[in-house]
N, C-alpha and C. Protein backbone atom coordinates (compact mmCIF):
# COMPACT_ATOMS: atom_id res chain seq x y z
N MET A 1 112.24 26.48 30.07
CA MET A 1 111.88 27.83 29.66
C MET A 1 110.54 27.84 28.92
N ALA A 2 110.34 26.91 28.01
CA ALA A 2 109.09 26.85 27.24
C ALA A 2 107.90 26.58 28.17
N GLU A 3 108.13 25.78 29.21
CA GLU A 3 107.05 25.45 30.14
C GLU A 3 106.52 26.72 30.81
N LYS A 4 107.40 27.62 31.15
CA LYS A 4 106.99 28.88 31.77
C LYS A 4 106.06 29.66 30.85
N LYS A 5 106.39 29.72 29.56
CA LYS A 5 105.53 30.42 28.60
C LYS A 5 104.16 29.76 28.54
N THR A 6 104.14 28.43 28.50
CA THR A 6 102.87 27.70 28.44
C THR A 6 102.03 27.99 29.67
N THR A 7 102.66 27.93 30.83
CA THR A 7 101.96 28.20 32.08
C THR A 7 101.40 29.62 32.08
N SER A 8 102.22 30.58 31.71
CA SER A 8 101.74 31.96 31.75
C SER A 8 100.65 32.19 30.70
N PHE A 9 100.72 31.48 29.57
CA PHE A 9 99.66 31.60 28.57
C PHE A 9 98.35 31.07 29.14
N ARG A 10 98.41 29.91 29.80
CA ARG A 10 97.20 29.35 30.43
C ARG A 10 96.64 30.31 31.46
N GLU A 11 97.51 30.87 32.28
CA GLU A 11 97.05 31.83 33.29
C GLU A 11 96.41 33.03 32.62
N LEU A 12 96.99 33.47 31.54
CA LEU A 12 96.50 34.63 30.81
C LEU A 12 95.07 34.43 30.32
N ILE A 13 94.78 33.25 29.76
CA ILE A 13 93.47 33.03 29.12
C ILE A 13 92.41 32.51 30.08
N ASN A 14 92.76 32.24 31.33
CA ASN A 14 91.81 31.63 32.26
C ASN A 14 90.91 32.62 33.00
N GLY A 15 91.11 33.90 32.84
CA GLY A 15 90.32 34.86 33.59
C GLY A 15 88.92 35.06 33.04
N GLU A 16 88.09 35.71 33.85
CA GLU A 16 86.73 36.06 33.42
C GLU A 16 86.75 37.16 32.37
N THR A 17 87.72 38.07 32.48
CA THR A 17 87.82 39.16 31.51
C THR A 17 88.25 38.58 30.16
N PRO A 18 87.52 38.89 29.09
CA PRO A 18 87.92 38.40 27.77
C PRO A 18 89.33 38.85 27.41
N VAL A 19 90.07 37.95 26.79
CA VAL A 19 91.44 38.24 26.34
C VAL A 19 91.46 38.13 24.82
N LEU A 20 91.74 39.24 24.16
CA LEU A 20 91.88 39.24 22.71
C LEU A 20 93.37 39.15 22.40
N ILE A 21 93.74 38.11 21.67
CA ILE A 21 95.14 37.93 21.30
C ILE A 21 95.28 38.20 19.81
N ASP A 22 96.18 39.10 19.50
CA ASP A 22 96.51 39.45 18.12
C ASP A 22 97.83 38.77 17.78
N PHE A 23 97.76 37.75 16.93
CA PHE A 23 98.97 37.09 16.44
C PHE A 23 99.43 37.85 15.21
N PHE A 24 100.61 38.46 15.30
CA PHE A 24 101.07 39.35 14.24
C PHE A 24 102.52 39.05 13.89
N ALA A 25 102.99 39.68 12.81
CA ALA A 25 104.40 39.64 12.44
C ALA A 25 104.83 41.06 12.11
N THR A 26 106.05 41.40 12.46
CA THR A 26 106.54 42.76 12.23
C THR A 26 106.61 43.10 10.74
N TRP A 27 106.76 42.09 9.89
CA TRP A 27 106.89 42.30 8.44
C TRP A 27 105.54 42.27 7.72
N CYS A 28 104.45 42.11 8.46
CA CYS A 28 103.11 41.92 7.88
C CYS A 28 102.39 43.26 7.73
N GLY A 29 102.14 43.68 6.49
CA GLY A 29 101.45 44.94 6.23
C GLY A 29 100.07 45.03 6.86
N PRO A 30 99.19 44.03 6.65
CA PRO A 30 97.86 44.07 7.27
C PRO A 30 97.93 44.14 8.80
N CYS A 31 98.96 43.54 9.39
CA CYS A 31 99.11 43.61 10.85
C CYS A 31 99.30 45.05 11.31
N HIS A 32 100.08 45.81 10.56
CA HIS A 32 100.29 47.22 10.90
C HIS A 32 98.99 48.01 10.76
N ALA A 33 98.19 47.68 9.76
CA ALA A 33 96.90 48.35 9.57
C ALA A 33 95.92 47.99 10.69
N TYR A 34 96.08 46.82 11.27
CA TYR A 34 95.18 46.32 12.31
C TYR A 34 95.45 46.98 13.66
N SER A 35 96.68 47.38 13.91
CA SER A 35 97.04 47.93 15.22
C SER A 35 96.17 49.10 15.68
N PRO A 36 95.89 50.09 14.83
CA PRO A 36 95.04 51.20 15.29
C PRO A 36 93.61 50.75 15.61
N ILE A 37 93.11 49.75 14.91
CA ILE A 37 91.77 49.22 15.18
C ILE A 37 91.75 48.60 16.58
N LEU A 38 92.76 47.80 16.88
CA LEU A 38 92.83 47.16 18.19
C LEU A 38 93.05 48.18 19.30
N ALA A 39 93.86 49.20 19.02
CA ALA A 39 94.09 50.25 20.01
C ALA A 39 92.78 50.98 20.32
N GLN A 40 91.98 51.26 19.29
CA GLN A 40 90.69 51.92 19.50
C GLN A 40 89.75 51.03 20.29
N LEU A 41 89.75 49.73 19.99
CA LEU A 41 88.91 48.78 20.72
C LEU A 41 89.27 48.79 22.20
N LYS A 42 90.55 48.75 22.51
CA LYS A 42 91.00 48.77 23.90
C LYS A 42 90.61 50.07 24.58
N THR A 43 90.74 51.18 23.85
CA THR A 43 90.34 52.48 24.40
C THR A 43 88.85 52.48 24.72
N ASP A 44 88.05 51.95 23.80
CA ASP A 44 86.59 51.93 23.97
C ASP A 44 86.16 51.02 25.13
N LEU A 45 86.83 49.87 25.29
CA LEU A 45 86.38 48.88 26.27
C LEU A 45 87.15 48.93 27.59
N GLY A 46 88.31 49.54 27.60
CA GLY A 46 89.07 49.71 28.84
C GLY A 46 89.34 48.39 29.56
N ASP A 47 88.99 48.35 30.84
CA ASP A 47 89.28 47.18 31.67
C ASP A 47 88.38 45.98 31.38
N ASP A 48 87.40 46.14 30.47
CA ASP A 48 86.53 45.02 30.10
C ASP A 48 87.21 44.10 29.09
N LEU A 49 88.44 44.42 28.71
CA LEU A 49 89.16 43.63 27.71
C LEU A 49 90.65 43.64 28.02
N ARG A 50 91.27 42.46 27.90
CA ARG A 50 92.73 42.38 27.94
C ARG A 50 93.18 42.17 26.50
N LEU A 51 94.07 43.03 26.05
CA LEU A 51 94.59 42.95 24.69
C LEU A 51 96.04 42.51 24.76
N VAL A 52 96.34 41.42 24.03
CA VAL A 52 97.69 40.86 24.04
C VAL A 52 98.14 40.71 22.59
N LYS A 53 99.35 41.14 22.32
CA LYS A 53 99.93 40.98 20.98
C LYS A 53 101.03 39.94 21.07
N ILE A 54 100.99 38.95 20.20
CA ILE A 54 102.01 37.90 20.18
C ILE A 54 102.68 37.89 18.81
N ASP A 55 103.98 38.11 18.82
CA ASP A 55 104.79 38.10 17.60
C ASP A 55 105.01 36.64 17.20
N VAL A 56 104.49 36.26 16.05
CA VAL A 56 104.57 34.85 15.62
C VAL A 56 106.01 34.39 15.43
N ASP A 57 106.90 35.30 15.06
CA ASP A 57 108.29 34.93 14.83
C ASP A 57 109.06 34.67 16.12
N LYS A 58 108.55 35.19 17.22
CA LYS A 58 109.23 35.02 18.51
C LYS A 58 108.53 34.00 19.41
N ASN A 59 107.39 33.49 18.98
CA ASN A 59 106.59 32.57 19.80
C ASN A 59 106.10 31.40 18.96
N GLU A 60 107.02 30.72 18.32
CA GLU A 60 106.66 29.65 17.38
C GLU A 60 105.90 28.50 18.05
N GLU A 61 106.28 28.18 19.29
CA GLU A 61 105.65 27.03 19.96
C GLU A 61 104.14 27.23 20.14
N ILE A 62 103.76 28.37 20.68
CA ILE A 62 102.32 28.61 20.91
C ILE A 62 101.59 28.74 19.58
N CYS A 63 102.24 29.30 18.57
CA CYS A 63 101.61 29.41 17.25
C CYS A 63 101.38 28.04 16.63
N GLN A 64 102.31 27.12 16.83
CA GLN A 64 102.12 25.76 16.33
C GLN A 64 100.96 25.08 17.05
N LYS A 65 100.91 25.24 18.37
CA LYS A 65 99.84 24.61 19.15
C LYS A 65 98.46 25.10 18.72
N LEU A 66 98.39 26.38 18.35
CA LEU A 66 97.10 26.96 17.96
C LEU A 66 96.89 26.99 16.45
N SER A 67 97.82 26.39 15.71
CA SER A 67 97.74 26.32 14.25
C SER A 67 97.57 27.71 13.61
N ILE A 68 98.39 28.64 14.04
CA ILE A 68 98.37 29.98 13.46
C ILE A 68 99.14 29.91 12.14
N THR A 69 98.45 30.14 11.03
CA THR A 69 99.10 30.04 9.72
C THR A 69 99.03 31.34 8.93
N SER A 70 98.19 32.27 9.34
CA SER A 70 98.12 33.55 8.62
C SER A 70 98.08 34.69 9.63
N MET A 71 98.56 35.84 9.19
CA MET A 71 98.60 37.00 10.05
C MET A 71 97.85 38.15 9.40
N PRO A 72 97.16 38.95 10.19
CA PRO A 72 96.95 38.72 11.62
C PRO A 72 95.90 37.65 11.85
N THR A 73 96.02 36.96 12.96
CA THR A 73 94.96 36.07 13.44
C THR A 73 94.52 36.59 14.80
N THR A 74 93.22 36.71 14.97
CA THR A 74 92.63 37.20 16.21
C THR A 74 91.93 36.04 16.91
N ILE A 75 92.26 35.84 18.18
CA ILE A 75 91.56 34.83 18.98
C ILE A 75 91.12 35.50 20.27
N ILE A 76 89.86 35.26 20.63
CA ILE A 76 89.34 35.77 21.90
C ILE A 76 89.11 34.58 22.82
N PHE A 77 89.72 34.64 24.01
CA PHE A 77 89.53 33.62 25.03
C PHE A 77 88.78 34.21 26.20
N GLN A 78 88.00 33.37 26.88
CA GLN A 78 87.39 33.74 28.15
C GLN A 78 87.28 32.48 28.98
N SER A 79 87.69 32.55 30.21
CA SER A 79 87.66 31.40 31.13
C SER A 79 88.35 30.18 30.53
N GLY A 80 89.44 30.41 29.82
CA GLY A 80 90.22 29.33 29.26
C GLY A 80 89.67 28.73 27.98
N GLU A 81 88.55 29.23 27.49
CA GLU A 81 87.93 28.69 26.27
C GLU A 81 88.07 29.68 25.11
N MET A 82 88.32 29.11 23.93
CA MET A 82 88.36 29.95 22.73
C MET A 82 86.92 30.29 22.35
N LYS A 83 86.61 31.58 22.29
CA LYS A 83 85.25 32.03 22.00
C LYS A 83 85.10 32.56 20.57
N PHE A 84 86.22 32.97 19.97
CA PHE A 84 86.18 33.56 18.64
C PHE A 84 87.56 33.43 18.01
N ARG A 85 87.57 33.16 16.71
CA ARG A 85 88.84 33.09 15.98
C ARG A 85 88.60 33.52 14.55
N ALA A 86 89.49 34.37 14.05
CA ALA A 86 89.38 34.82 12.66
C ALA A 86 90.75 35.22 12.15
N ALA A 87 90.98 34.94 10.88
CA ALA A 87 92.21 35.38 10.22
C ALA A 87 91.93 36.65 9.45
N GLY A 88 92.93 37.50 9.35
CA GLY A 88 92.77 38.75 8.62
C GLY A 88 92.33 39.89 9.53
N VAL A 89 92.34 41.09 8.99
CA VAL A 89 91.94 42.28 9.73
C VAL A 89 90.43 42.23 9.94
N GLN A 90 90.00 42.37 11.19
CA GLN A 90 88.58 42.35 11.53
C GLN A 90 88.08 43.77 11.80
N PRO A 91 86.90 44.10 11.29
CA PRO A 91 86.34 45.42 11.60
C PRO A 91 86.06 45.53 13.10
N ILE A 92 86.18 46.73 13.63
CA ILE A 92 85.95 46.93 15.06
C ILE A 92 84.52 46.52 15.43
N SER A 93 83.57 46.69 14.51
CA SER A 93 82.17 46.32 14.79
C SER A 93 82.03 44.82 15.03
N VAL A 94 82.77 44.02 14.29
CA VAL A 94 82.74 42.56 14.46
C VAL A 94 83.33 42.19 15.82
N LEU A 95 84.45 42.78 16.16
CA LEU A 95 85.09 42.49 17.44
C LEU A 95 84.20 42.90 18.61
N LYS A 96 83.58 44.07 18.52
CA LYS A 96 82.70 44.52 19.59
C LYS A 96 81.49 43.60 19.73
N ALA A 97 80.94 43.15 18.60
CA ALA A 97 79.79 42.25 18.64
C ALA A 97 80.16 40.91 19.31
N GLU A 98 81.33 40.38 18.97
CA GLU A 98 81.78 39.12 19.57
C GLU A 98 82.01 39.29 21.08
N LEU A 99 82.61 40.40 21.46
CA LEU A 99 82.87 40.65 22.88
C LEU A 99 81.58 40.91 23.66
N ALA A 100 80.60 41.53 23.00
CA ALA A 100 79.32 41.80 23.66
C ALA A 100 78.61 40.49 24.02
N LYS A 101 78.77 39.46 23.17
CA LYS A 101 78.17 38.15 23.46
C LYS A 101 78.72 37.57 24.76
N LEU A 102 79.97 37.87 25.06
CA LEU A 102 80.62 37.28 26.23
C LEU A 102 80.19 37.95 27.53
N SER A 103 79.75 39.18 27.46
CA SER A 103 79.35 39.88 28.68
C SER A 103 77.85 39.81 28.91
N ALA A 104 77.15 39.22 27.96
CA ALA A 104 75.67 39.14 28.07
C ALA A 104 75.25 38.06 29.05
């Protein structure tokens, strides 16, 4: 069962379209504050971005592999490579600037 998750995660991050993964917890206050920012980012960028939310309490294996220790943690992947990583709520301007680098 875990192998399937790993495989699908690899498939998820291997595309040309940037994938922003939000590692969150349901009990995390800042995570709730971050959701509208990410929703606006997805609205602004549409199909130029894949937005994925991963609940750290339900996906411990992948969180251990990526050393996720604080929430929210944002990681942007493109073509299987980690392009950006930050802990805490990120301003939409920072996220847009990081994503703009990937399409340049």
